[in-house]
Structure formats: C-alpha cells, structure tokens
Amino acid sequence: MPEKKLEFTQEEWLKEGERLFGKNMMLWKFICPSCHRVISVQEYKDAGAPTGAIGFSCIGRYDGHGDVDAFGGEGKGCNYAGGGLICINPIKVGDINAFAFAEGV
C-alpha cells in the first residue's frame, strides 16, 4: 500500500479536496489531529470561525467546546490550535501545517 502524501503544493491540495468532496468547498471535511472531530468548512463558517482557522484549529475554539483541553476532546471538539507550542497538524500545504482531510466520511 503506498504511503499517504503529507506535503502538497496549494494547487495539489485543492485538487485533492475536490477529488474527495467535490467542487463545493463548504462540504470539504477535516479531522482534528487532537480530538479527532470531523469538521466541515460549513461548520466552521456556522460557528463564526475566521477563515484562517479552517483546517488549522479545532472548531471547539469557536462552537462552545473550547473548554475541553486539546488531547482530551474525544471527537466533540477541543481547544487545539495548530499555531500553538505543540503542532501536530499532519499535512503541509506550502509552508502551512494543516489538518488532514477526513476521507471516507
């Protein structure tokens, strides 16, 4: 089985998102590397998260689950942010660390 790609140019990443979820980016989904919550772009928007948080910080910071510490949210959301001291975002898009797409969800 081939190893999963972890580094993308922006163009490659956009093509991969479209391949997985279609052209409507609001339907694209990511998985928080800390609590494993699956989050769509539409959910980020509905929670009032800034564009820069999408696929970078957990939605828990914006939807009321931010009181759950990172590494303890168990899929409900947490306060993890990719720009913190410990960055566990598994994907690199250009020079930005990002969440992985939630494939098959």
C-alpha atoms as a PDB file:
ATOM      1  CA  MET A   1       0.000   0.000   0.000  1.00  0.00           C
ATOM      2  CA  PRO A   2       1.508   3.380  -0.951  1.00  0.00           C
ATOM      3  CA  GLU A   3       2.349   5.816   1.813  1.00  0.00           C
ATOM      4  CA  LYS A   4      -0.096   8.692   2.235  1.00  0.00           C
ATOM      5  CA  LYS A   5       1.113  12.027   0.888  1.00  0.00           C
ATOM      6  CA  LEU A   6       1.856  14.518   3.656  1.00  0.00           C
ATOM      7  CA  GLU A   7       3.151  17.500   1.665  1.00  0.00           C
ATOM      8  CA  PHE A   8       1.210  19.354  -1.018  1.00  0.00           C
ATOM      9  CA  THR A   9       1.525  22.476  -3.079  1.00  0.00           C
ATOM     10  CA  GLN A  10      -1.608  24.606  -2.746  1.00  0.00           C
ATOM     11  CA  GLU A  11      -2.708  23.504  -6.224  1.00  0.00           C
ATOM     12  CA  GLU A  12      -2.253  19.800  -5.376  1.00  0.00           C
ATOM     13  CA  TRP A  13      -4.145  20.231  -2.095  1.00  0.00           C
ATOM     14  CA  LEU A  14      -7.074  21.965  -3.820  1.00  0.00           C
ATOM     15  CA  LYS A  15      -7.229  19.175  -6.414  1.00  0.00           C
ATOM     16  CA  GLU A  16      -7.205  16.548  -3.647  1.00  0.00           C
ATOM     17  CA  GLY A  17     -10.021  18.295  -1.775  1.00  0.00           C
ATOM     18  CA  GLU A  18     -12.082  18.479  -4.950  1.00  0.00           C
ATOM     19  CA  ARG A  19     -11.388  14.823  -5.726  1.00  0.00           C
ATOM     20  CA  LEU A  20     -12.541  13.757  -2.255  1.00  0.00           C
ATOM     21  CA  PHE A  21     -15.524  16.080  -1.701  1.00  0.00           C
ATOM     22  CA  GLY A  22     -16.407  17.826  -4.952  1.00  0.00           C
ATOM     23  CA  LYS A  23     -16.189  21.469  -6.020  1.00  0.00           C
ATOM     24  CA  ASN A  24     -18.326  22.877  -3.170  1.00  0.00           C
ATOM     25  CA  MET A  25     -15.676  23.684  -0.552  1.00  0.00           C
ATOM     26  CA  MET A  26     -18.350  24.105   2.142  1.00  0.00           C
ATOM     27  CA  LEU A  27     -18.689  20.300   2.038  1.00  0.00           C
ATOM     28  CA  TRP A  28     -14.973  19.602   2.488  1.00  0.00           C
ATOM     29  CA  LYS A  29     -14.175  17.911   5.815  1.00  0.00           C
ATOM     30  CA  PHE A  30     -11.113  17.838   8.029  1.00  0.00           C
ATOM     31  CA  ILE A  31     -10.227  15.848  11.119  1.00  0.00           C
ATOM     32  CA  CYS A  32      -8.756  17.460  14.226  1.00  0.00           C
ATOM     33  CA  PRO A  33      -5.471  15.653  14.962  1.00  0.00           C
ATOM     34  CA  SER A  34      -6.056  16.140  18.690  1.00  0.00           C
ATOM     35  CA  CYS A  35      -9.664  15.135  19.467  1.00  0.00           C
ATOM     36  CA  HIS A  36     -10.453  13.514  16.076  1.00  0.00           C
ATOM     37  CA  ARG A  37     -13.620  15.509  15.486  1.00  0.00           C
ATOM     38  CA  VAL A  38     -14.624  15.615  11.829  1.00  0.00           C
ATOM     39  CA  ILE A  39     -15.385  19.208  10.811  1.00  0.00           C
ATOM     40  CA  SER A  40     -16.766  20.610   7.561  1.00  0.00           C
ATOM     41  CA  VAL A  41     -15.939  24.040   6.201  1.00  0.00           C
ATOM     42  CA  GLN A  42     -19.653  24.878   6.582  1.00  0.00           C
ATOM     43  CA  GLU A  43     -19.461  24.048  10.316  1.00  0.00           C
ATOM     44  CA  TYR A  44     -16.501  26.413  10.727  1.00  0.00           C
ATOM     45  CA  LYS A  45     -18.476  29.131   8.940  1.00  0.00           C
ATOM     46  CA  ASP A  46     -21.618  28.485  11.026  1.00  0.00           C
ATOM     47  CA  ALA A  47     -19.563  28.685  14.241  1.00  0.00           C
ATOM     48  CA  GLY A  48     -18.170  32.088  13.210  1.00  0.00           C
ATOM     49  CA  ALA A  49     -14.585  30.857  12.918  1.00  0.00           C
ATOM     50  CA  PRO A  50     -12.206  33.025  10.882  1.00  0.00           C
ATOM     51  CA  THR A  51     -11.131  31.674   7.502  1.00  0.00           C
ATOM     52  CA  GLY A  52      -7.594  31.087   8.788  1.00  0.00           C
ATOM     53  CA  ALA A  53      -8.889  28.625  11.398  1.00  0.00           C
ATOM     54  CA  ILE A  54     -10.366  26.239   8.831  1.00  0.00           C
ATOM     55  CA  GLY A  55      -8.356  23.019   8.822  1.00  0.00           C
ATOM     56  CA  PHE A  56      -5.821  24.612  11.160  1.00  0.00           C
ATOM     57  CA  SER A  57      -7.512  24.883  14.582  1.00  0.00           C
ATOM     58  CA  CYS A  58     -10.263  22.763  16.117  1.00  0.00           C
ATOM     59  CA  ILE A  59     -13.794  24.094  15.808  1.00  0.00           C
ATOM     60  CA  GLY A  60     -14.129  23.644  19.570  1.00  0.00           C
ATOM     61  CA  ARG A  61     -12.445  27.021  19.916  1.00  0.00           C
ATOM     62  CA  TYR A  62     -15.499  28.569  18.226  1.00  0.00           C
ATOM     63  CA  ASP A  63     -18.530  26.377  18.957  1.00  0.00           C
ATOM     64  CA  GLY A  64     -18.535  26.190  22.740  1.00  0.00           C
ATOM     65  CA  HIS A  65     -16.310  23.144  23.233  1.00  0.00           C
ATOM     66  CA  GLY A  66     -13.144  25.194  23.706  1.00  0.00           C
ATOM     67  CA  ASP A  67     -13.148  24.420  27.418  1.00  0.00           C
ATOM     68  CA  VAL A  68     -12.114  20.848  26.553  1.00  0.00           C
ATOM     69  CA  ASP A  69      -8.338  20.635  26.615  1.00  0.00           C
ATOM     70  CA  ALA A  70      -6.537  19.585  23.481  1.00  0.00           C
ATOM     71  CA  PHE A  71      -5.762  15.868  23.576  1.00  0.00           C
ATOM     72  CA  GLY A  72      -8.919  15.179  25.586  1.00  0.00           C
ATOM     73  CA  GLY A  73     -11.892  16.125  23.422  1.00  0.00           C
ATOM     74  CA  GLU A  74     -12.701  12.630  22.127  1.00  0.00           C
ATOM     75  CA  GLY A  75     -14.410  13.802  18.932  1.00  0.00           C
ATOM     76  CA  LYS A  76     -16.550  16.563  20.448  1.00  0.00           C
ATOM     77  CA  GLY A  77     -14.163  19.410  19.773  1.00  0.00           C
ATOM     78  CA  CYS A  78     -11.330  20.881  21.805  1.00  0.00           C
ATOM     79  CA  ASN A  79      -9.201  23.989  22.125  1.00  0.00           C
ATOM     80  CA  TYR A  80      -6.329  22.741  19.927  1.00  0.00           C
ATOM     81  CA  ALA A  81      -4.730  25.309  17.629  1.00  0.00           C
ATOM     82  CA  GLY A  82      -2.145  24.433  15.007  1.00  0.00           C
ATOM     83  CA  GLY A  83      -0.129  27.532  15.796  1.00  0.00           C
ATOM     84  CA  GLY A  84       0.493  26.598  19.419  1.00  0.00           C
ATOM     85  CA  LEU A  85       3.605  25.272  21.103  1.00  0.00           C
ATOM     86  CA  ILE A  86       2.906  21.688  20.040  1.00  0.00           C
ATOM     87  CA  CYS A  87       1.933  21.429  16.372  1.00  0.00           C
ATOM     88  CA  ILE A  88       0.549  18.030  15.424  1.00  0.00           C
ATOM     89  CA  ASN A  89      -1.135  19.094  12.170  1.00  0.00           C
ATOM     90  CA  PRO A  90      -0.095  16.217   9.903  1.00  0.00           C
ATOM     91  CA  ILE A  91      -0.294  17.878   6.469  1.00  0.00           C
ATOM     92  CA  LYS A  92       1.925  20.564   4.979  1.00  0.00           C
ATOM     93  CA  VAL A  93       0.370  22.799   2.315  1.00  0.00           C
ATOM     94  CA  GLY A  94       3.150  25.052   1.088  1.00  0.00           C
ATOM     95  CA  ASP A  95       4.527  26.437   4.345  1.00  0.00           C
ATOM     96  CA  ILE A  96       1.304  25.952   6.376  1.00  0.00           C
ATOM     97  CA  ASN A  97       0.645  22.981   8.661  1.00  0.00           C
ATOM     98  CA  ALA A  98      -2.931  21.769   8.212  1.00  0.00           C
ATOM     99  CA  PHE A  99      -5.397  19.110   9.328  1.00  0.00           C
ATOM    100  CA  ALA A 100      -5.807  16.041   7.140  1.00  0.00           C
ATOM    101  CA  PHE A 101      -8.918  15.652   5.054  1.00  0.00           C
ATOM    102  CA  ALA A 102     -11.492  13.382   6.696  1.00  0.00           C
ATOM    103  CA  GLU A 103     -11.604  10.841   3.902  1.00  0.00           C
ATOM    104  CA  GLY A 104     -14.495   8.457   3.590  1.00  0.00           C
ATOM    105  CA  VAL A 105     -16.719  10.473   5.922  1.00  0.00           C
END
